[in-house]
N, C-alpha and C. Protein backbone atom coordinates (compact mmCIF):
# COMPACT_ATOMS: atom_id res chain seq x y z
N MET A 1 0.84 -1.17 0.00
CA MET A 1 0.00 0.00 0.00
C MET A 1 0.89 1.24 0.00
N LEU A 2 0.39 2.27 -0.59
CA LEU A 2 1.12 3.54 -0.64
C LEU A 2 0.28 4.62 0.03
N THR A 3 0.95 5.51 0.71
CA THR A 3 0.28 6.65 1.31
C THR A 3 0.63 7.87 0.48
N VAL A 4 -0.38 8.58 0.01
CA VAL A 4 -0.16 9.79 -0.76
C VAL A 4 -0.29 10.96 0.19
N ARG A 5 0.77 11.68 0.36
CA ARG A 5 0.78 12.85 1.24
C ARG A 5 0.31 14.08 0.47
N PRO A 6 -0.50 14.93 1.10
CA PRO A 6 -0.91 16.16 0.43
C PRO A 6 0.27 17.10 0.24
N LYS A 7 0.22 17.88 -0.84
CA LYS A 7 1.34 18.77 -1.15
C LYS A 7 1.36 20.02 -0.28
N ASP A 8 0.17 20.53 0.10
CA ASP A 8 0.21 21.72 0.95
C ASP A 8 0.26 21.31 2.42
N GLU A 9 0.93 22.09 3.21
CA GLU A 9 1.20 21.75 4.61
C GLU A 9 -0.06 21.76 5.47
N THR A 10 -1.05 22.57 5.14
CA THR A 10 -2.22 22.70 6.02
C THR A 10 -3.09 21.46 6.00
N ALA A 11 -3.04 20.66 4.95
CA ALA A 11 -3.86 19.46 4.88
C ALA A 11 -3.11 18.23 5.39
N ALA A 12 -1.90 18.41 5.91
CA ALA A 12 -1.07 17.27 6.30
C ALA A 12 -1.61 16.54 7.52
N ALA A 13 -2.19 17.23 8.47
CA ALA A 13 -2.69 16.57 9.68
C ALA A 13 -4.20 16.43 9.61
N PRO A 14 -4.72 15.21 9.87
CA PRO A 14 -6.18 15.04 9.86
C PRO A 14 -6.83 15.92 10.92
N GLY A 15 -7.87 16.60 10.57
CA GLY A 15 -8.57 17.45 11.51
C GLY A 15 -7.94 18.81 11.70
N ALA A 16 -6.86 19.08 10.98
CA ALA A 16 -6.18 20.37 11.13
C ALA A 16 -6.93 21.45 10.36
N MET A 17 -6.93 22.62 10.89
CA MET A 17 -7.59 23.75 10.25
C MET A 17 -6.58 24.51 9.39
N PRO A 18 -7.03 25.11 8.30
CA PRO A 18 -6.10 25.93 7.50
C PRO A 18 -5.51 27.04 8.36
N GLY A 19 -4.23 27.27 8.23
CA GLY A 19 -3.56 28.30 9.00
C GLY A 19 -3.07 27.86 10.36
N MET A 20 -3.30 26.61 10.74
CA MET A 20 -2.86 26.11 12.03
C MET A 20 -1.34 25.92 11.99
N ASP A 21 -0.66 26.35 13.03
CA ASP A 21 0.79 26.23 13.02
C ASP A 21 1.24 24.80 13.33
N MET A 22 2.52 24.52 13.04
CA MET A 22 3.05 23.17 13.19
C MET A 22 3.03 22.70 14.64
N LYS A 23 3.25 23.60 15.60
CA LYS A 23 3.24 23.23 17.02
C LYS A 23 1.86 22.70 17.42
N LYS A 24 0.83 23.36 16.96
CA LYS A 24 -0.54 22.93 17.26
C LYS A 24 -0.82 21.55 16.64
N LYS A 25 -0.35 21.34 15.42
CA LYS A 25 -0.53 20.04 14.77
C LYS A 25 0.19 18.94 15.53
N MET A 26 1.41 19.23 15.98
CA MET A 26 2.18 18.23 16.72
C MET A 26 1.50 17.92 18.06
N ASP A 27 0.94 18.93 18.72
CA ASP A 27 0.23 18.71 19.97
C ASP A 27 -1.02 17.84 19.76
N MET A 28 -1.73 18.09 18.65
CA MET A 28 -2.91 17.28 18.34
C MET A 28 -2.52 15.83 18.08
N ALA A 29 -1.42 15.63 17.35
CA ALA A 29 -0.98 14.27 17.03
C ALA A 29 -0.51 13.55 18.29
N ALA A 30 0.20 14.25 19.17
CA ALA A 30 0.71 13.63 20.39
C ALA A 30 -0.41 13.28 21.36
N SER A 31 -1.45 14.09 21.39
CA SER A 31 -2.55 13.83 22.32
C SER A 31 -3.54 12.80 21.78
N GLY A 32 -3.46 12.49 20.49
CA GLY A 32 -4.36 11.51 19.91
C GLY A 32 -5.64 12.10 19.37
N THR A 33 -5.81 13.42 19.43
CA THR A 33 -7.04 14.02 18.93
C THR A 33 -7.08 14.04 17.41
N ALA A 34 -5.94 13.89 16.76
CA ALA A 34 -5.90 13.89 15.29
C ALA A 34 -5.96 12.47 14.74
N ILE A 35 -5.96 11.48 15.61
CA ILE A 35 -5.92 10.09 15.18
C ILE A 35 -7.31 9.48 15.36
N HIS A 36 -7.77 8.79 14.33
CA HIS A 36 -9.08 8.14 14.38
C HIS A 36 -8.88 6.64 14.48
N ASP A 37 -9.85 5.94 15.07
CA ASP A 37 -9.81 4.49 15.13
C ASP A 37 -9.96 3.93 13.71
N PRO A 38 -9.22 2.86 13.41
CA PRO A 38 -9.35 2.28 12.07
C PRO A 38 -10.71 1.62 11.90
N SER A 39 -11.19 1.62 10.69
CA SER A 39 -12.48 1.00 10.41
C SER A 39 -12.30 0.10 9.20
N PRO A 40 -12.48 -1.15 9.26
CA PRO A 40 -12.79 -2.02 10.41
C PRO A 40 -11.58 -2.17 11.33
N PRO A 41 -11.81 -2.67 12.55
CA PRO A 41 -10.72 -2.82 13.51
C PRO A 41 -9.62 -3.75 12.98
N VAL A 42 -8.43 -3.58 13.51
CA VAL A 42 -7.27 -4.35 13.07
C VAL A 42 -7.50 -5.84 13.29
N TRP A 43 -8.10 -6.25 14.39
CA TRP A 43 -8.29 -7.67 14.65
C TRP A 43 -9.23 -8.31 13.63
N VAL A 44 -10.20 -7.54 13.13
CA VAL A 44 -11.12 -8.06 12.11
C VAL A 44 -10.35 -8.31 10.81
N MET A 45 -9.52 -7.36 10.42
CA MET A 45 -8.74 -7.52 9.19
C MET A 45 -7.74 -8.66 9.33
N GLY A 46 -7.18 -8.84 10.51
CA GLY A 46 -6.28 -9.97 10.75
C GLY A 46 -6.99 -11.30 10.61
N ALA A 47 -8.19 -11.39 11.18
CA ALA A 47 -8.97 -12.63 11.09
C ALA A 47 -9.36 -12.92 9.65
N VAL A 48 -9.77 -11.90 8.91
CA VAL A 48 -10.13 -12.08 7.50
C VAL A 48 -8.91 -12.53 6.69
N SER A 49 -7.76 -11.95 6.97
CA SER A 49 -6.53 -12.32 6.25
C SER A 49 -6.18 -13.78 6.49
N PHE A 50 -6.24 -14.24 7.73
CA PHE A 50 -5.94 -15.63 8.02
C PHE A 50 -6.98 -16.58 7.42
N ALA A 51 -8.24 -16.18 7.40
CA ALA A 51 -9.28 -17.01 6.79
C ALA A 51 -9.04 -17.17 5.29
N VAL A 52 -8.70 -16.08 4.61
CA VAL A 52 -8.42 -16.15 3.18
C VAL A 52 -7.17 -16.98 2.92
N LEU A 53 -6.16 -16.84 3.77
CA LEU A 53 -4.95 -17.66 3.63
C LEU A 53 -5.29 -19.14 3.78
N ALA A 54 -6.11 -19.50 4.76
CA ALA A 54 -6.50 -20.90 4.97
C ALA A 54 -7.29 -21.44 3.79
N ILE A 55 -8.19 -20.64 3.25
CA ILE A 55 -8.98 -21.06 2.09
C ILE A 55 -8.06 -21.29 0.89
N GLY A 56 -7.14 -20.37 0.66
CA GLY A 56 -6.21 -20.51 -0.45
C GLY A 56 -5.32 -21.72 -0.31
N ALA A 57 -4.83 -21.98 0.89
CA ALA A 57 -3.98 -23.16 1.13
C ALA A 57 -4.78 -24.44 0.93
N THR A 58 -6.03 -24.46 1.37
CA THR A 58 -6.88 -25.63 1.19
C THR A 58 -7.12 -25.91 -0.29
N ILE A 59 -7.42 -24.89 -1.05
CA ILE A 59 -7.63 -25.05 -2.50
C ILE A 59 -6.36 -25.54 -3.17
N ALA A 60 -5.22 -24.95 -2.82
CA ALA A 60 -3.95 -25.35 -3.43
C ALA A 60 -3.60 -26.79 -3.10
N LEU A 61 -3.80 -27.20 -1.86
CA LEU A 61 -3.47 -28.58 -1.47
C LEU A 61 -4.45 -29.59 -2.04
N THR A 62 -5.70 -29.19 -2.22
CA THR A 62 -6.72 -30.10 -2.74
C THR A 62 -6.60 -30.29 -4.25
N PHE A 63 -6.45 -29.21 -4.99
CA PHE A 63 -6.48 -29.29 -6.45
C PHE A 63 -5.11 -29.15 -7.11
N GLY A 64 -4.10 -28.82 -6.38
CA GLY A 64 -2.79 -28.57 -6.97
C GLY A 64 -1.83 -29.73 -6.85
N LYS A 65 -2.29 -30.91 -7.18
CA LYS A 65 -1.45 -32.11 -7.08
C LYS A 65 -0.30 -32.02 -8.09
N ALA A 66 0.92 -32.19 -7.63
CA ALA A 66 2.08 -32.16 -8.51
C ALA A 66 2.20 -33.49 -9.25
N HIS A 67 2.54 -33.43 -10.53
CA HIS A 67 2.66 -34.66 -11.34
C HIS A 67 4.10 -34.98 -11.57
């Protein structure tokens, strides 16, 4: 995955207002007010990833017989 950073400085911090100085942005980031909970939660994505891995391994082992 790639993260595309905005080119102008004011849009760099989530929830930041235009004209907000860098100190204010850093304080927001340190306090967690600029950070949002991921949606869906990390544990859900982990469970889905392992389920898809198990399905793929089952298909490969069942139908991928080497000759």
